[in-house]
Amino acid sequence: MESNLPKQFIPVMGIPVLMHTINAFYRVKPLPEIFIVLPDTEFVKWKNLCAEHKFVLPHTLVAGGETRFHSVKNGLNAIEGEGLLLFMMVFGLL
């Protein structure tokens, strides 16, 4: 993507790619519970972007792991009960 910025944070039409993705999932009925797995070092950046763009759709941040496998495992462990699980890898670092 020729950017130093992680792909999920690159703005498209004025907002980060990840916000477009979350917006798309919130058009689904019934409303899903969304878990965003990011490196914990990116939590502050994400929260600042949410504040900057007044992005308030509910979601839960989950700390990624050492590898993609560990990040997926952390995301799965955050889910309680039954439901539909969709994986979307916005970036290839996890």
PDB file of N, CA and C in Angstrom:
ATOM      1  N   MET A   1       0.829  -1.192   0.000  1.00  0.00           N
ATOM      2  CA  MET A   1       0.000   0.000   0.000  1.00  0.00           C
ATOM      3  C   MET A   1       0.877   1.260   0.000  1.00  0.00           C
ATOM      4  N   GLU A   2       2.174   1.061  -0.010  1.00  0.00           N
ATOM      5  CA  GLU A   2       3.120   2.166  -0.081  1.00  0.00           C
ATOM      6  C   GLU A   2       2.863   3.231   0.983  1.00  0.00           C
ATOM      7  N   SER A   3       2.703   2.777   2.224  1.00  0.00           N
ATOM      8  CA  SER A   3       2.466   3.691   3.334  1.00  0.00           C
ATOM      9  C   SER A   3       3.132   3.144   4.581  1.00  0.00           C
ATOM     10  N   ASN A   4       3.602   4.027   5.418  1.00  0.00           N
ATOM     11  CA  ASN A   4       4.146   3.599   6.712  1.00  0.00           C
ATOM     12  C   ASN A   4       3.028   3.307   7.702  1.00  0.00           C
ATOM     13  N   LEU A   5       1.845   3.761   7.379  1.00  0.00           N
ATOM     14  CA  LEU A   5       0.676   3.564   8.223  1.00  0.00           C
ATOM     15  C   LEU A   5       0.142   2.147   8.007  1.00  0.00           C
ATOM     16  N   PRO A   6      -0.198   1.416   9.088  1.00  0.00           N
ATOM     17  CA  PRO A   6      -0.809   0.099   8.901  1.00  0.00           C
ATOM     18  C   PRO A   6      -2.061   0.209   8.029  1.00  0.00           C
ATOM     19  N   LYS A   7      -2.288  -0.783   7.174  1.00  0.00           N
ATOM     20  CA  LYS A   7      -3.376  -0.737   6.195  1.00  0.00           C
ATOM     21  C   LYS A   7      -4.733  -0.436   6.800  1.00  0.00           C
ATOM     22  N   GLN A   8      -5.013  -0.986   7.971  1.00  0.00           N
ATOM     23  CA  GLN A   8      -6.332  -0.780   8.573  1.00  0.00           C
ATOM     24  C   GLN A   8      -6.577   0.672   8.954  1.00  0.00           C
ATOM     25  N   PHE A   9      -5.537   1.475   9.070  1.00  0.00           N
ATOM     26  CA  PHE A   9      -5.667   2.871   9.462  1.00  0.00           C
ATOM     27  C   PHE A   9      -5.575   3.837   8.282  1.00  0.00           C
ATOM     28  N   ILE A  10      -5.282   3.345   7.081  1.00  0.00           N
ATOM     29  CA  ILE A  10      -5.166   4.215   5.914  1.00  0.00           C
ATOM     30  C   ILE A  10      -6.541   4.795   5.585  1.00  0.00           C
ATOM     31  N   PRO A  11      -6.628   6.110   5.433  1.00  0.00           N
ATOM     32  CA  PRO A  11      -7.930   6.716   5.129  1.00  0.00           C
ATOM     33  C   PRO A  11      -8.367   6.447   3.690  1.00  0.00           C
ATOM     34  N   VAL A  12      -9.637   6.120   3.554  1.00  0.00           N
ATOM     35  CA  VAL A  12     -10.289   5.985   2.259  1.00  0.00           C
ATOM     36  C   VAL A  12     -11.554   6.826   2.357  1.00  0.00           C
ATOM     37  N   MET A  13     -11.729   7.758   1.458  1.00  0.00           N
ATOM     38  CA  MET A  13     -12.856   8.691   1.505  1.00  0.00           C
ATOM     39  C   MET A  13     -12.951   9.369   2.873  1.00  0.00           C
ATOM     40  N   GLY A  14     -11.780   9.665   3.453  1.00  0.00           N
ATOM     41  CA  GLY A  14     -11.743  10.460   4.675  1.00  0.00           C
ATOM     42  C   GLY A  14     -11.745   9.705   5.985  1.00  0.00           C
ATOM     43  N   ILE A  15     -12.003   8.388   5.959  1.00  0.00           N
ATOM     44  CA  ILE A  15     -11.965   7.640   7.222  1.00  0.00           C
ATOM     45  C   ILE A  15     -11.140   6.363   7.047  1.00  0.00           C
ATOM     46  N   PRO A  16     -10.576   5.840   8.149  1.00  0.00           N
ATOM     47  CA  PRO A  16      -9.757   4.636   8.062  1.00  0.00           C
ATOM     48  C   PRO A  16     -10.533   3.430   7.515  1.00  0.00           C
ATOM     49  N   VAL A  17      -9.830   2.583   6.789  1.00  0.00           N
ATOM     50  CA  VAL A  17     -10.406   1.371   6.197  1.00  0.00           C
ATOM     51  C   VAL A  17     -11.180   0.565   7.239  1.00  0.00           C
ATOM     52  N   LEU A  18     -10.635   0.411   8.424  1.00  0.00           N
ATOM     53  CA  LEU A  18     -11.288  -0.396   9.459  1.00  0.00           C
ATOM     54  C   LEU A  18     -12.656   0.173   9.844  1.00  0.00           C
ATOM     55  N   MET A  19     -12.813   1.469   9.822  1.00  0.00           N
ATOM     56  CA  MET A  19     -14.118   2.066  10.130  1.00  0.00           C
ATOM     57  C   MET A  19     -15.137   1.751   9.044  1.00  0.00           C
ATOM     58  N   HIS A  20     -14.703   1.746   7.789  1.00  0.00           N
ATOM     59  CA  HIS A  20     -15.592   1.340   6.700  1.00  0.00           C
ATOM     60  C   HIS A  20     -16.073  -0.096   6.929  1.00  0.00           C
ATOM     61  N   THR A  21     -15.169  -0.952   7.339  1.00  0.00           N
ATOM     62  CA  THR A  21     -15.496  -2.354   7.565  1.00  0.00           C
ATOM     63  C   THR A  21     -16.515  -2.501   8.690  1.00  0.00           C
ATOM     64  N   ILE A  22     -16.266  -1.830   9.803  1.00  0.00           N
ATOM     65  CA  ILE A  22     -17.190  -1.911  10.939  1.00  0.00           C
ATOM     66  C   ILE A  22     -18.555  -1.348  10.550  1.00  0.00           C
ATOM     67  N   ASN A  23     -18.566  -0.242   9.822  1.00  0.00           N
ATOM     68  CA  ASN A  23     -19.830   0.329   9.344  1.00  0.00           C
ATOM     69  C   ASN A  23     -20.614  -0.684   8.517  1.00  0.00           C
ATOM     70  N   ALA A  24     -19.924  -1.418   7.655  1.00  0.00           N
ATOM     71  CA  ALA A  24     -20.595  -2.413   6.807  1.00  0.00           C
ATOM     72  C   ALA A  24     -21.234  -3.505   7.662  1.00  0.00           C
ATOM     73  N   PHE A  25     -20.543  -3.969   8.685  1.00  0.00           N
ATOM     74  CA  PHE A  25     -21.092  -5.027   9.543  1.00  0.00           C
ATOM     75  C   PHE A  25     -22.289  -4.524  10.344  1.00  0.00           C
ATOM     76  N   TYR A  26     -22.333  -3.241  10.651  1.00  0.00           N
ATOM     77  CA  TYR A  26     -23.456  -2.705  11.415  1.00  0.00           C
ATOM     78  C   TYR A  26     -24.704  -2.469  10.572  1.00  0.00           C
ATOM     79  N   ARG A  27     -24.625  -2.761   9.300  1.00  0.00           N
ATOM     80  CA  ARG A  27     -25.828  -2.727   8.451  1.00  0.00           C
ATOM     81  C   ARG A  27     -26.539  -4.077   8.470  1.00  0.00           C
ATOM     82  N   VAL A  28     -25.922  -5.073   9.072  1.00  0.00           N
ATOM     83  CA  VAL A  28     -26.468  -6.428   9.149  1.00  0.00           C
ATOM     84  C   VAL A  28     -27.462  -6.500  10.304  1.00  0.00           C
ATOM     85  N   LYS A  29     -28.529  -7.243  10.117  1.00  0.00           N
ATOM     86  CA  LYS A  29     -29.506  -7.461  11.190  1.00  0.00           C
ATOM     87  C   LYS A  29     -29.540  -8.942  11.512  1.00  0.00           C
ATOM     88  N   PRO A  30     -29.573  -9.353  12.737  1.00  0.00           N
ATOM     89  CA  PRO A  30     -29.462  -8.516  13.924  1.00  0.00           C
ATOM     90  C   PRO A  30     -28.052  -7.943  14.048  1.00  0.00           C
ATOM     91  N   LEU A  31     -27.954  -6.875  14.813  1.00  0.00           N
ATOM     92  CA  LEU A  31     -26.660  -6.215  14.982  1.00  0.00           C
ATOM     93  C   LEU A  31     -25.640  -7.166  15.587  1.00  0.00           C
ATOM     94  N   PRO A  32     -24.468  -7.233  14.990  1.00  0.00           N
ATOM     95  CA  PRO A  32     -23.446  -8.146  15.500  1.00  0.00           C
ATOM     96  C   PRO A  32     -22.664  -7.527  16.656  1.00  0.00           C
ATOM     97  N   GLU A  33     -22.024  -8.389  17.415  1.00  0.00           N
ATOM     98  CA  GLU A  33     -21.035  -7.938  18.387  1.00  0.00           C
ATOM     99  C   GLU A  33     -19.695  -8.033  17.674  1.00  0.00           C
ATOM    100  N   ILE A  34     -18.950  -6.945  17.642  1.00  0.00           N
ATOM    101  CA  ILE A  34     -17.714  -6.899  16.867  1.00  0.00           C
ATOM    102  C   ILE A  34     -16.504  -6.848  17.786  1.00  0.00           C
ATOM    103  N   PHE A  35     -15.560  -7.731  17.499  1.00  0.00           N
ATOM    104  CA  PHE A  35     -14.286  -7.774  18.199  1.00  0.00           C
ATOM    105  C   PHE A  35     -13.205  -7.404  17.196  1.00  0.00           C
ATOM    106  N   ILE A  36     -12.391  -6.421  17.540  1.00  0.00           N
ATOM    107  CA  ILE A  36     -11.295  -5.974  16.691  1.00  0.00           C
ATOM    108  C   ILE A  36      -9.995  -6.434  17.345  1.00  0.00           C
ATOM    109  N   VAL A  37      -9.265  -7.284  16.642  1.00  0.00           N
ATOM    110  CA  VAL A  37      -7.980  -7.770  17.158  1.00  0.00           C
ATOM    111  C   VAL A  37      -6.879  -6.913  16.541  1.00  0.00           C
ATOM    112  N   LEU A  38      -6.176  -6.206  17.411  1.00  0.00           N
ATOM    113  CA  LEU A  38      -5.067  -5.340  17.007  1.00  0.00           C
ATOM    114  C   LEU A  38      -3.894  -5.576  17.945  1.00  0.00           C
ATOM    115  N   PRO A  39      -2.686  -5.283  17.479  1.00  0.00           N
ATOM    116  CA  PRO A  39      -1.571  -5.293  18.431  1.00  0.00           C
ATOM    117  C   PRO A  39      -1.879  -4.287  19.549  1.00  0.00           C
ATOM    118  N   ASP A  40      -1.606  -4.654  20.779  1.00  0.00           N
ATOM    119  CA  ASP A  40      -1.939  -3.743  21.888  1.00  0.00           C
ATOM    120  C   ASP A  40      -1.217  -2.405  21.756  1.00  0.00           C
ATOM    121  N   THR A  41      -0.116  -2.380  21.022  1.00  0.00           N
ATOM    122  CA  THR A  41       0.602  -1.123  20.785  1.00  0.00           C
ATOM    123  C   THR A  41      -0.181  -0.174  19.874  1.00  0.00           C
ATOM    124  N   GLU A  42      -1.230  -0.675  19.206  1.00  0.00           N
ATOM    125  CA  GLU A  42      -2.049   0.147  18.310  1.00  0.00           C
ATOM    126  C   GLU A  42      -3.365   0.604  18.947  1.00  0.00           C
ATOM    127  N   PHE A  43      -3.626   0.176  20.187  1.00  0.00           N
ATOM    128  CA  PHE A  43      -4.892   0.529  20.841  1.00  0.00           C
ATOM    129  C   PHE A  43      -5.067   2.040  20.973  1.00  0.00           C
ATOM    130  N   VAL A  44      -4.044   2.739  21.427  1.00  0.00           N
ATOM    131  CA  VAL A  44      -4.141   4.190  21.618  1.00  0.00           C
ATOM    132  C   VAL A  44      -4.373   4.879  20.279  1.00  0.00           C
ATOM    133  N   LYS A  45      -3.650   4.456  19.252  1.00  0.00           N
ATOM    134  CA  LYS A  45      -3.832   5.037  17.920  1.00  0.00           C
ATOM    135  C   LYS A  45      -5.278   4.844  17.458  1.00  0.00           C
ATOM    136  N   TRP A  46      -5.832   3.625  17.625  1.00  0.00           N
ATOM    137  CA  TRP A  46      -7.204   3.351  17.220  1.00  0.00           C
ATOM    138  C   TRP A  46      -8.187   4.218  18.010  1.00  0.00           C
ATOM    139  N   LYS A  47      -7.996   4.311  19.316  1.00  0.00           N
ATOM    140  CA  LYS A  47      -8.896   5.119  20.140  1.00  0.00           C
ATOM    141  C   LYS A  47      -8.824   6.591  19.740  1.00  0.00           C
ATOM    142  N   ASN A  48      -7.639   7.067  19.412  1.00  0.00           N
ATOM    143  CA  ASN A  48      -7.494   8.454  18.957  1.00  0.00           C
ATOM    144  C   ASN A  48      -8.194   8.671  17.615  1.00  0.00           C
ATOM    145  N   LEU A  49      -8.082   7.701  16.706  1.00  0.00           N
ATOM    146  CA  LEU A  49      -8.777   7.799  15.418  1.00  0.00           C
ATOM    147  C   LEU A  49     -10.296   7.799  15.628  1.00  0.00           C
ATOM    148  N   CYS A  50     -10.772   6.973  16.542  1.00  0.00           N
ATOM    149  CA  CYS A  50     -12.213   6.942  16.836  1.00  0.00           C
ATOM    150  C   CYS A  50     -12.679   8.302  17.353  1.00  0.00           C
ATOM    151  N   ALA A  51     -11.900   8.900  18.242  1.00  0.00           N
ATOM    152  CA  ALA A  51     -12.260  10.217  18.767  1.00  0.00           C
ATOM    153  C   ALA A  51     -12.219  11.265  17.658  1.00  0.00           C
ATOM    154  N   GLU A  52     -11.177  11.236  16.849  1.00  0.00           N
ATOM    155  CA  GLU A  52     -11.007  12.209  15.766  1.00  0.00           C
ATOM    156  C   GLU A  52     -12.173  12.150  14.769  1.00  0.00           C
ATOM    157  N   HIS A  53     -12.640  10.942  14.469  1.00  0.00           N
ATOM    158  CA  HIS A  53     -13.699  10.763  13.471  1.00  0.00           C
ATOM    159  C   HIS A  53     -15.085  10.609  14.099  1.00  0.00           C
ATOM    160  N   LYS A  54     -15.144  10.813  15.420  1.00  0.00           N
ATOM    161  CA  LYS A  54     -16.417  10.675  16.153  1.00  0.00           C
ATOM    162  C   LYS A  54     -17.076   9.333  15.855  1.00  0.00           C
ATOM    163  N   PHE A  55     -16.250   8.295  15.854  1.00  0.00           N
ATOM    164  CA  PHE A  55     -16.688   6.937  15.541  1.00  0.00           C
ATOM    165  C   PHE A  55     -17.098   6.258  16.839  1.00  0.00           C
ATOM    166  N   VAL A  56     -18.385   5.975  16.984  1.00  0.00           N
ATOM    167  CA  VAL A  56     -18.899   5.484  18.262  1.00  0.00           C
ATOM    168  C   VAL A  56     -19.604   4.127  18.160  1.00  0.00           C
ATOM    169  N   LEU A  57     -19.526   3.468  17.007  1.00  0.00           N
ATOM    170  CA  LEU A  57     -20.164   2.156  16.915  1.00  0.00           C
ATOM    171  C   LEU A  57     -19.506   1.198  17.908  1.00  0.00           C
ATOM    172  N   PRO A  58     -20.314   0.442  18.645  1.00  0.00           N
ATOM    173  CA  PRO A  58     -19.763  -0.443  19.675  1.00  0.00           C
ATOM    174  C   PRO A  58     -18.869  -1.526  19.080  1.00  0.00           C
ATOM    175  N   HIS A  59     -17.737  -1.736  19.723  1.00  0.00           N
ATOM    176  CA  HIS A  59     -16.827  -2.818  19.368  1.00  0.00           C
ATOM    177  C   HIS A  59     -15.897  -3.051  20.559  1.00  0.00           C
ATOM    178  N   THR A  60     -15.323  -4.211  20.590  1.00  0.00           N
ATOM    179  CA  THR A  60     -14.417  -4.578  21.674  1.00  0.00           C
ATOM    180  C   THR A  60     -13.025  -4.788  21.102  1.00  0.00           C
ATOM    181  N   LEU A  61     -12.038  -4.163  21.717  1.00  0.00           N
ATOM    182  CA  LEU A  61     -10.651  -4.368  21.302  1.00  0.00           C
ATOM    183  C   LEU A  61     -10.082  -5.594  22.010  1.00  0.00           C
ATOM    184  N   VAL A  62      -9.364  -6.400  21.239  1.00  0.00           N
ATOM    185  CA  VAL A  62      -8.704  -7.592  21.772  1.00  0.00           C
ATOM    186  C   VAL A  62      -7.242  -7.498  21.354  1.00  0.00           C
ATOM    187  N   ALA A  63      -6.347  -7.760  22.298  1.00  0.00           N
ATOM    188  CA  ALA A  63      -4.912  -7.706  22.002  1.00  0.00           C
ATOM    189  C   ALA A  63      -4.511  -8.875  21.114  1.00  0.00           C
ATOM    190  N   GLY A  64      -3.821  -8.566  20.037  1.00  0.00           N
ATOM    191  CA  GLY A  64      -3.286  -9.600  19.159  1.00  0.00           C
ATOM    192  C   GLY A  64      -2.171 -10.359  19.856  1.00  0.00           C
ATOM    193  N   GLY A  65      -1.687 -11.371  19.180  1.00  0.00           N
ATOM    194  CA  GLY A  65      -0.644 -12.200  19.755  1.00  0.00           C
ATOM    195  C   GLY A  65       0.660 -12.095  18.998  1.00  0.00           C
ATOM    196  N   GLU A  66       1.556 -12.968  19.368  1.00  0.00           N
ATOM    197  CA  GLU A  66       2.896 -12.990  18.780  1.00  0.00           C
ATOM    198  C   GLU A  66       2.854 -13.329  17.284  1.00  0.00           C
ATOM    199  N   THR A  67       1.904 -14.184  16.902  1.00  0.00           N
ATOM    200  CA  THR A  67       1.753 -14.590  15.507  1.00  0.00           C
ATOM    201  C   THR A  67       0.280 -14.461  15.123  1.00  0.00           C
ATOM    202  N   ARG A  68      -0.023 -14.643  13.848  1.00  0.00           N
ATOM    203  CA  ARG A  68      -1.412 -14.608  13.403  1.00  0.00           C
ATOM    204  C   ARG A  68      -2.231 -15.669  14.133  1.00  0.00           C
ATOM    205  N   PHE A  69      -1.670 -16.862  14.283  1.00  0.00           N
ATOM    206  CA  PHE A  69      -2.355 -17.934  15.010  1.00  0.00           C
ATOM    207  C   PHE A  69      -2.769 -17.466  16.401  1.00  0.00           C
ATOM    208  N   HIS A  70      -1.841 -16.849  17.125  1.00  0.00           N
ATOM    209  CA  HIS A  70      -2.130 -16.387  18.481  1.00  0.00           C
ATOM    210  C   HIS A  70      -3.163 -15.263  18.485  1.00  0.00           C
ATOM    211  N   SER A  71      -3.127 -14.405  17.476  1.00  0.00           N
ATOM    212  CA  SER A  71      -4.109 -13.323  17.385  1.00  0.00           C
ATOM    213  C   SER A  71      -5.510 -13.885  17.153  1.00  0.00           C
ATOM    214  N   VAL A  72      -5.625 -14.844  16.253  1.00  0.00           N
ATOM    215  CA  VAL A  72      -6.923 -15.476  16.004  1.00  0.00           C
ATOM    216  C   VAL A  72      -7.408 -16.165  17.275  1.00  0.00           C
ATOM    217  N   LYS A  73      -6.510 -16.861  17.954  1.00  0.00           N
ATOM    218  CA  LYS A  73      -6.862 -17.549  19.200  1.00  0.00           C
ATOM    219  C   LYS A  73      -7.359 -16.535  20.242  1.00  0.00           C
ATOM    220  N   ASN A  74      -6.678 -15.413  20.384  1.00  0.00           N
ATOM    221  CA  ASN A  74      -7.105 -14.379  21.333  1.00  0.00           C
ATOM    222  C   ASN A  74      -8.490 -13.852  20.978  1.00  0.00           C
ATOM    223  N   GLY A  75      -8.728 -13.640  19.679  1.00  0.00           N
ATOM    224  CA  GLY A  75     -10.036 -13.175  19.240  1.00  0.00           C
ATOM    225  C   GLY A  75     -11.124 -14.192  19.547  1.00  0.00           C
ATOM    226  N   LEU A  76     -10.857 -15.456  19.272  1.00  0.00           N
ATOM    227  CA  LEU A  76     -11.834 -16.516  19.556  1.00  0.00           C
ATOM    228  C   LEU A  76     -12.106 -16.631  21.050  1.00  0.00           C
ATOM    229  N   ASN A  77     -11.072 -16.506  21.859  1.00  0.00           N
ATOM    230  CA  ASN A  77     -11.239 -16.607  23.311  1.00  0.00           C
ATOM    231  C   ASN A  77     -12.075 -15.461  23.882  1.00  0.00           C
ATOM    232  N   ALA A  78     -12.157 -14.357  23.162  1.00  0.00           N
ATOM    233  CA  ALA A  78     -12.938 -13.208  23.639  1.00  0.00           C
ATOM    234  C   ALA A  78     -14.439 -13.410  23.432  1.00  0.00           C
ATOM    235  N   ILE A  79     -14.797 -14.340  22.560  1.00  0.00           N
ATOM    236  CA  ILE A  79     -16.203 -14.566  22.222  1.00  0.00           C
ATOM    237  C   ILE A  79     -16.839 -15.484  23.252  1.00  0.00           C
ATOM    238  N   GLU A  80     -18.029 -15.094  23.701  1.00  0.00           N
ATOM    239  CA  GLU A  80     -18.779 -15.927  24.645  1.00  0.00           C
ATOM    240  C   GLU A  80     -20.034 -16.444  23.963  1.00  0.00           C
ATOM    241  N   GLY A  81     -20.369 -17.693  24.194  1.00  0.00           N
ATOM    242  CA  GLY A  81     -21.601 -18.257  23.651  1.00  0.00           C
ATOM    243  C   GLY A  81     -21.482 -18.627  22.182  1.00  0.00           C
ATOM    244  N   GLU A  82     -22.662 -18.781  21.559  1.00  0.00           N
ATOM    245  CA  GLU A  82     -22.725 -19.193  20.163  1.00  0.00           C
ATOM    246  C   GLU A  82     -22.897 -17.985  19.259  1.00  0.00           C
ATOM    247  N   GLY A  83     -22.602 -18.187  18.007  1.00  0.00           N
ATOM    248  CA  GLY A  83     -22.814 -17.123  17.045  1.00  0.00           C
ATOM    249  C   GLY A  83     -22.129 -17.426  15.740  1.00  0.00           C
ATOM    250  N   LEU A  84     -22.226 -16.503  14.846  1.00  0.00           N
ATOM    251  CA  LEU A  84     -21.595 -16.598  13.545  1.00  0.00           C
ATOM    252  C   LEU A  84     -20.254 -15.888  13.632  1.00  0.00           C
ATOM    253  N   LEU A  85     -19.237 -16.519  13.102  1.00  0.00           N
ATOM    254  CA  LEU A  85     -17.899 -15.966  13.180  1.00  0.00           C
ATOM    255  C   LEU A  85     -17.412 -15.635  11.781  1.00  0.00           C
ATOM    256  N   LEU A  86     -17.003 -14.403  11.571  1.00  0.00           N
ATOM    257  CA  LEU A  86     -16.445 -13.974  10.303  1.00  0.00           C
ATOM    258  C   LEU A  86     -15.029 -13.471  10.543  1.00  0.00           C
ATOM    259  N   PHE A  87     -14.102 -13.951   9.745  1.00  0.00           N
ATOM    260  CA  PHE A  87     -12.732 -13.488   9.851  1.00  0.00           C
ATOM    261  C   PHE A  87     -12.451 -12.550   8.709  1.00  0.00           C
ATOM    262  N   MET A  88     -11.854 -11.443   9.025  1.00  0.00           N
ATOM    263  CA  MET A  88     -11.423 -10.526   7.988  1.00  0.00           C
ATOM    264  C   MET A  88     -10.044 -10.045   8.379  1.00  0.00           C
ATOM    265  N   MET A  89      -9.091 -10.381   7.589  1.00  0.00           N
ATOM    266  CA  MET A  89      -7.733  -9.928   7.856  1.00  0.00           C
ATOM    267  C   MET A  89      -7.506  -8.662   7.043  1.00  0.00           C
ATOM    268  N   VAL A  90      -7.565  -7.535   7.713  1.00  0.00           N
ATOM    269  CA  VAL A  90      -7.362  -6.250   7.052  1.00  0.00           C
ATOM    270  C   VAL A  90      -5.880  -6.070   6.748  1.00  0.00           C
ATOM    271  N   PHE A  91      -5.057  -6.662   7.577  1.00  0.00           N
ATOM    272  CA  PHE A  91      -3.625  -6.497   7.390  1.00  0.00           C
ATOM    273  C   PHE A  91      -2.933  -7.820   7.683  1.00  0.00           C
ATOM    274  N   GLY A  92      -1.764  -7.997   7.139  1.00  0.00           N
ATOM    275  CA  GLY A  92      -1.071  -9.272   7.241  1.00  0.00           C
ATOM    276  C   GLY A  92      -0.044  -9.354   8.345  1.00  0.00           C
ATOM    277  N   LEU A  93      -0.079  -8.454   9.307  1.00  0.00           N
ATOM    278  CA  LEU A  93       0.935  -8.457  10.354  1.00  0.00           C
ATOM    279  C   LEU A  93       0.608  -9.399  11.495  1.00  0.00           C
ATOM    280  N   LEU A  94      -0.650  -9.806  11.635  1.00  0.00           N
ATOM    281  CA  LEU A  94      -1.022 -10.692  12.738  1.00  0.00           C
ATOM    282  C   LEU A  94      -1.141 -12.104  12.253  1.00  0.00           C
TER     283      LEU A  94
END
